[in-house]
Amino acid sequence: MMLLIVLAAGILSGAAGFGLPALSVGLLAGIHEPRVAVATMVCPILITGLRQLVRSGDWLQTARVYWVLSIVMVASLWVVASIAALMSAAAIAVAIGGALVLFAATGLTKSLPRVTDGADSAAQGVAGLSCGIIGGLTAIWSPPIMIYLLARGEDRDGAVRQSAWFICLGTVPLAAAYWQAGLFTTPIALMSLLMCVPAFAGLIVGERIVTHFRADNLARALMLVLCLLAGFNLFRQVFA
């Protein structure tokens, strides 16, 4: 079941161009202990993010321009993930559900107030802290990044490309915190490595589907709907 979920998430994210961490963590948390779901997706998020990073071609520029966001995100993500490792499964499930709803809402956002050059450093700090808090709890730290980049005037496709740097970078403190807490054990690490296969295969299949059928808008809509449903399902499991 886990292999099929990650494969399906990979296909849809390949077709949509985004969303593998959100959809895979959200679906896995519905059938497994949430912290296990988060730990299992560490390697697939990193590997698929690295592929996107290499293809973006401008990650060094992204790292230089958004260095404040990067530093704040790494530090806060490690602190929050360390705390999250000690929290109850129900609390993490609720956090993942909330992150999925925010992810879907971000995908539907058409316009945002612009962040001026003078306010950029502060905005990067706020975005980095938001990434750390949300990502440390859920492994889904893309919504604050997308909100910030869109507010800085990036188009959605450009924001998705630049987010690859932050997706790869965030896996490091997340894995470190879970390892220190004893949650990223050898068996889970091996499972996480195994999940790279369906994630990567699904990504390639999804990209080829879009190339042949031009169904990227449909895939993006389906991605947002499934993330929203996965979030509400987690709320139902906790509060029912």
Protein backbone atom coordinates (compact mmCIF):
# COMPACT_ATOMS: atom_id res chain seq x y z
CA MET A 1 0.00 0.00 0.00
CA MET A 2 2.78 2.43 0.91
CA LEU A 3 4.53 1.82 -2.42
CA LEU A 4 1.33 2.44 -4.35
CA ILE A 5 0.59 5.66 -2.46
CA VAL A 6 4.05 7.09 -3.10
CA LEU A 7 3.92 5.99 -6.75
CA ALA A 8 0.52 7.66 -7.24
CA ALA A 9 1.73 10.82 -5.48
CA GLY A 10 4.82 10.82 -7.69
CA ILE A 11 2.78 10.50 -10.88
CA LEU A 12 0.42 13.29 -9.93
CA SER A 13 3.22 15.59 -8.76
CA GLY A 14 5.14 14.92 -11.97
CA ALA A 15 2.09 15.88 -13.99
CA ALA A 16 1.24 18.89 -11.83
CA GLY A 17 4.84 20.05 -11.36
CA PHE A 18 4.62 20.21 -7.57
CA GLY A 19 3.12 18.61 -4.46
CA LEU A 20 4.95 15.34 -3.78
CA PRO A 21 5.77 16.07 -0.09
CA ALA A 22 2.28 17.35 0.70
CA LEU A 23 0.26 14.62 -0.99
CA SER A 24 2.47 11.69 0.00
CA VAL A 25 2.79 12.71 3.66
CA GLY A 26 -0.92 13.48 3.84
CA LEU A 27 -1.97 10.12 2.41
CA LEU A 28 0.59 8.10 4.38
CA ALA A 29 -0.41 9.80 7.63
CA GLY A 30 -3.93 8.51 7.03
CA ILE A 31 -2.80 4.89 7.27
CA HIS A 32 0.38 5.07 9.40
CA GLU A 33 1.55 6.84 12.54
CA PRO A 34 2.09 10.45 11.34
CA ARG A 35 5.70 10.72 12.49
CA VAL A 36 6.50 7.48 10.65
CA ALA A 37 4.89 8.97 7.53
CA VAL A 38 7.07 12.08 7.86
CA ALA A 39 10.28 10.10 8.46
CA THR A 40 9.53 7.73 5.58
CA MET A 41 9.32 10.59 3.09
CA VAL A 42 12.62 12.27 4.02
CA CYS A 43 14.70 10.55 1.33
CA PRO A 44 12.09 10.74 -1.47
CA ILE A 45 11.61 14.46 -0.80
CA LEU A 46 15.38 15.00 -0.94
CA ILE A 47 16.00 12.89 -4.06
CA THR A 48 13.13 14.30 -6.11
CA GLY A 49 13.99 17.78 -4.87
CA LEU A 50 17.59 17.37 -6.02
CA ARG A 51 16.37 16.43 -9.48
CA GLN A 52 14.22 19.54 -9.60
CA LEU A 53 17.12 21.59 -8.22
CA VAL A 54 19.51 20.45 -10.96
CA ARG A 55 16.91 21.11 -13.65
CA SER A 56 16.18 24.61 -12.32
CA GLY A 57 19.75 25.64 -13.13
CA ASP A 58 19.83 28.70 -10.88
CA TRP A 59 19.89 27.30 -7.35
CA LEU A 60 23.09 29.12 -6.37
CA GLN A 61 21.44 32.41 -7.21
CA THR A 62 18.39 31.37 -5.17
CA ALA A 63 20.63 30.52 -2.21
CA ARG A 64 22.42 33.90 -2.42
CA VAL A 65 19.29 36.01 -2.77
CA TYR A 66 17.26 34.22 -0.12
CA TRP A 67 19.99 33.52 2.42
CA VAL A 68 18.00 35.00 5.32
CA LEU A 69 15.04 32.74 4.59
CA SER A 70 17.36 29.73 4.26
CA ILE A 71 19.15 30.25 7.58
CA VAL A 72 16.00 31.00 9.57
CA MET A 73 14.21 28.02 8.01
CA VAL A 74 16.98 25.54 8.81
CA ALA A 75 17.36 26.68 12.42
CA SER A 76 13.65 26.84 13.22
CA LEU A 77 12.84 23.63 11.38
CA TRP A 78 15.41 21.71 13.44
CA VAL A 79 14.08 23.14 16.72
CA VAL A 80 10.42 22.49 15.88
CA ALA A 81 11.08 19.02 14.45
CA SER A 82 12.92 18.12 17.66
CA ILE A 83 9.86 19.17 19.66
CA ALA A 84 7.45 17.49 17.22
CA ALA A 85 9.24 14.18 17.67
CA LEU A 86 8.02 14.21 21.28
CA MET A 87 4.42 15.27 20.53
CA SER A 88 1.41 12.97 20.31
CA ALA A 89 0.43 11.33 17.05
CA ALA A 90 -2.94 13.11 17.14
CA ALA A 91 -1.30 16.53 17.40
CA ILE A 92 0.97 15.80 14.43
CA ALA A 93 -1.99 14.49 12.43
CA VAL A 94 -3.91 17.72 13.05
CA ALA A 95 -0.85 19.76 12.06
CA ILE A 96 -0.48 17.79 8.82
CA GLY A 97 -4.16 18.27 8.08
CA GLY A 98 -3.82 22.02 8.61
CA ALA A 99 -0.72 22.17 6.41
CA LEU A 100 -2.59 20.35 3.62
CA VAL A 101 -5.48 22.81 3.76
CA LEU A 102 -2.98 25.69 3.65
CA PHE A 103 -1.20 24.02 0.73
CA ALA A 104 -4.47 23.78 -1.21
CA ALA A 105 -5.38 27.37 -0.37
CA THR A 106 -1.96 28.56 -1.55
CA GLY A 107 -2.46 26.75 -4.84
CA LEU A 108 -5.73 28.63 -5.38
CA THR A 109 -4.28 32.05 -4.54
CA LYS A 110 -4.39 34.40 -7.52
CA SER A 111 -2.70 37.50 -6.11
CA LEU A 112 -0.98 38.67 -2.95
CA PRO A 113 0.16 42.03 -1.54
CA ARG A 114 3.62 42.85 -2.87
CA VAL A 115 6.66 42.69 -0.61
CA THR A 116 8.87 45.72 -1.30
CA ASP A 117 12.67 45.62 -1.42
CA GLY A 118 12.84 47.52 1.87
CA ALA A 119 10.71 44.91 3.64
CA ASP A 120 12.34 41.91 1.99
CA SER A 121 14.73 40.89 4.80
CA ALA A 122 11.92 40.95 7.35
CA ALA A 123 9.62 39.06 4.97
CA GLN A 124 12.30 36.42 4.45
CA GLY A 125 12.64 36.02 8.20
CA VAL A 126 8.88 35.59 8.64
CA ALA A 127 8.70 33.13 5.73
CA GLY A 128 11.67 31.15 7.07
CA LEU A 129 10.18 30.95 10.55
CA SER A 130 6.82 29.89 9.12
CA CYS A 131 8.55 27.20 7.06
CA GLY A 132 10.36 25.97 10.14
CA ILE A 133 7.24 25.76 12.27
CA ILE A 134 5.01 24.14 9.65
CA GLY A 135 7.75 21.97 8.15
CA GLY A 136 9.09 20.84 11.51
CA LEU A 137 5.63 19.56 12.42
CA THR A 138 4.59 18.13 9.08
CA ALA A 139 7.45 17.94 6.49
CA ILE A 140 5.29 20.27 4.35
CA TRP A 141 7.13 23.60 4.29
CA SER A 142 6.37 24.78 0.74
CA PRO A 143 3.25 26.97 1.41
CA PRO A 144 5.11 29.84 3.16
CA ILE A 145 7.81 29.72 0.48
CA MET A 146 5.25 29.96 -2.32
CA ILE A 147 3.39 32.78 -0.55
CA TYR A 148 6.64 34.74 -0.09
CA LEU A 149 7.90 34.20 -3.66
CA LEU A 150 4.54 35.13 -5.18
CA ALA A 151 4.45 38.25 -3.00
CA ARG A 152 7.89 39.16 -4.35
CA GLY A 153 6.50 39.09 -7.88
CA GLU A 154 7.55 35.63 -9.06
CA ASP A 155 5.13 33.86 -11.38
CA ARG A 156 3.86 30.52 -10.15
CA ASP A 157 6.12 28.40 -12.39
CA GLY A 158 9.18 30.42 -11.35
CA ALA A 159 8.25 30.07 -7.70
CA VAL A 160 7.93 26.30 -8.07
CA ARG A 161 11.40 26.12 -9.67
CA GLN A 162 13.03 28.22 -6.95
CA SER A 163 11.32 26.26 -4.18
CA ALA A 164 13.49 23.23 -5.05
CA TRP A 165 16.39 24.77 -3.11
CA PHE A 166 14.30 25.13 0.04
CA ILE A 167 12.77 21.66 -0.29
CA CYS A 168 16.21 20.03 -0.44
CA LEU A 169 17.64 22.23 2.29
CA GLY A 170 14.78 21.52 4.69
CA THR A 171 15.26 17.76 4.64
CA VAL A 172 18.62 18.10 6.42
CA PRO A 173 17.42 19.56 9.75
CA LEU A 174 14.27 17.40 9.61
CA ALA A 175 16.27 14.18 9.26
CA ALA A 176 18.77 15.33 11.91
CA ALA A 177 16.04 16.11 14.45
CA TYR A 178 14.22 12.82 13.85
CA TRP A 179 17.49 10.89 14.08
CA GLN A 180 18.38 12.57 17.37
CA ALA A 181 14.94 11.71 18.72
CA GLY A 182 15.29 8.06 17.69
CA LEU A 183 12.55 8.23 15.06
CA PHE A 184 14.75 8.03 11.97
CA THR A 185 15.95 4.53 12.78
CA THR A 186 17.83 2.20 10.45
CA PRO A 187 14.67 0.31 9.36
CA ILE A 188 12.79 3.55 8.68
CA ALA A 189 15.82 5.01 6.88
CA LEU A 190 15.96 1.92 4.66
CA MET A 191 12.22 2.19 4.01
CA SER A 192 12.70 5.85 3.16
CA LEU A 193 15.41 4.94 0.66
CA LEU A 194 13.14 2.28 -0.84
CA MET A 195 10.36 4.84 -1.30
CA CYS A 196 12.68 6.82 -3.57
CA VAL A 197 12.05 4.25 -6.30
CA PRO A 198 8.26 4.70 -6.68
CA ALA A 199 8.54 8.44 -6.05
CA PHE A 200 11.12 8.94 -8.78
CA ALA A 201 9.42 6.53 -11.18
CA GLY A 202 6.07 8.22 -10.64
CA LEU A 203 7.60 11.64 -11.21
CA ILE A 204 8.96 10.59 -14.61
CA VAL A 205 5.68 8.92 -15.62
CA GLY A 206 3.72 12.01 -14.63
CA GLU A 207 6.00 14.30 -16.64
CA ARG A 208 5.58 12.10 -19.72
CA ILE A 209 1.80 12.07 -19.30
CA VAL A 210 1.78 15.87 -19.37
CA THR A 211 4.05 15.92 -22.42
CA HIS A 212 1.75 13.65 -24.41
CA PHE A 213 -1.69 14.74 -23.17
CA ARG A 214 -1.22 18.37 -22.05
CA ALA A 215 -3.14 17.66 -18.85
CA ASP A 216 -1.12 19.84 -16.48
CA ASN A 217 -4.04 22.07 -15.45
CA LEU A 218 -6.20 19.04 -14.68
CA ALA A 219 -3.34 17.46 -12.71
CA ARG A 220 -2.83 20.65 -10.68
CA ALA A 221 -6.53 20.85 -9.85
CA LEU A 222 -6.60 17.17 -8.88
CA MET A 223 -3.50 17.63 -6.72
CA LEU A 224 -5.12 20.47 -4.75
CA VAL A 225 -8.42 18.59 -4.34
CA LEU A 226 -6.69 15.42 -3.10
CA CYS A 227 -4.54 17.37 -0.64
CA LEU A 228 -7.65 19.09 0.68
CA LEU A 229 -9.47 15.76 1.06
CA ALA A 230 -6.43 14.17 2.74
CA GLY A 231 -6.33 17.06 5.21
CA PHE A 232 -10.01 16.75 6.09
CA ASN A 233 -9.61 12.98 6.41
CA LEU A 234 -6.93 13.49 9.06
CA PHE A 235 -9.21 15.90 10.91
CA ARG A 236 -11.96 13.28 10.76
CA GLN A 237 -9.71 10.54 12.13
CA VAL A 238 -8.61 12.67 15.07
CA PHE A 239 -11.87 14.34 16.02
CA ALA A 240 -14.46 11.71 15.04
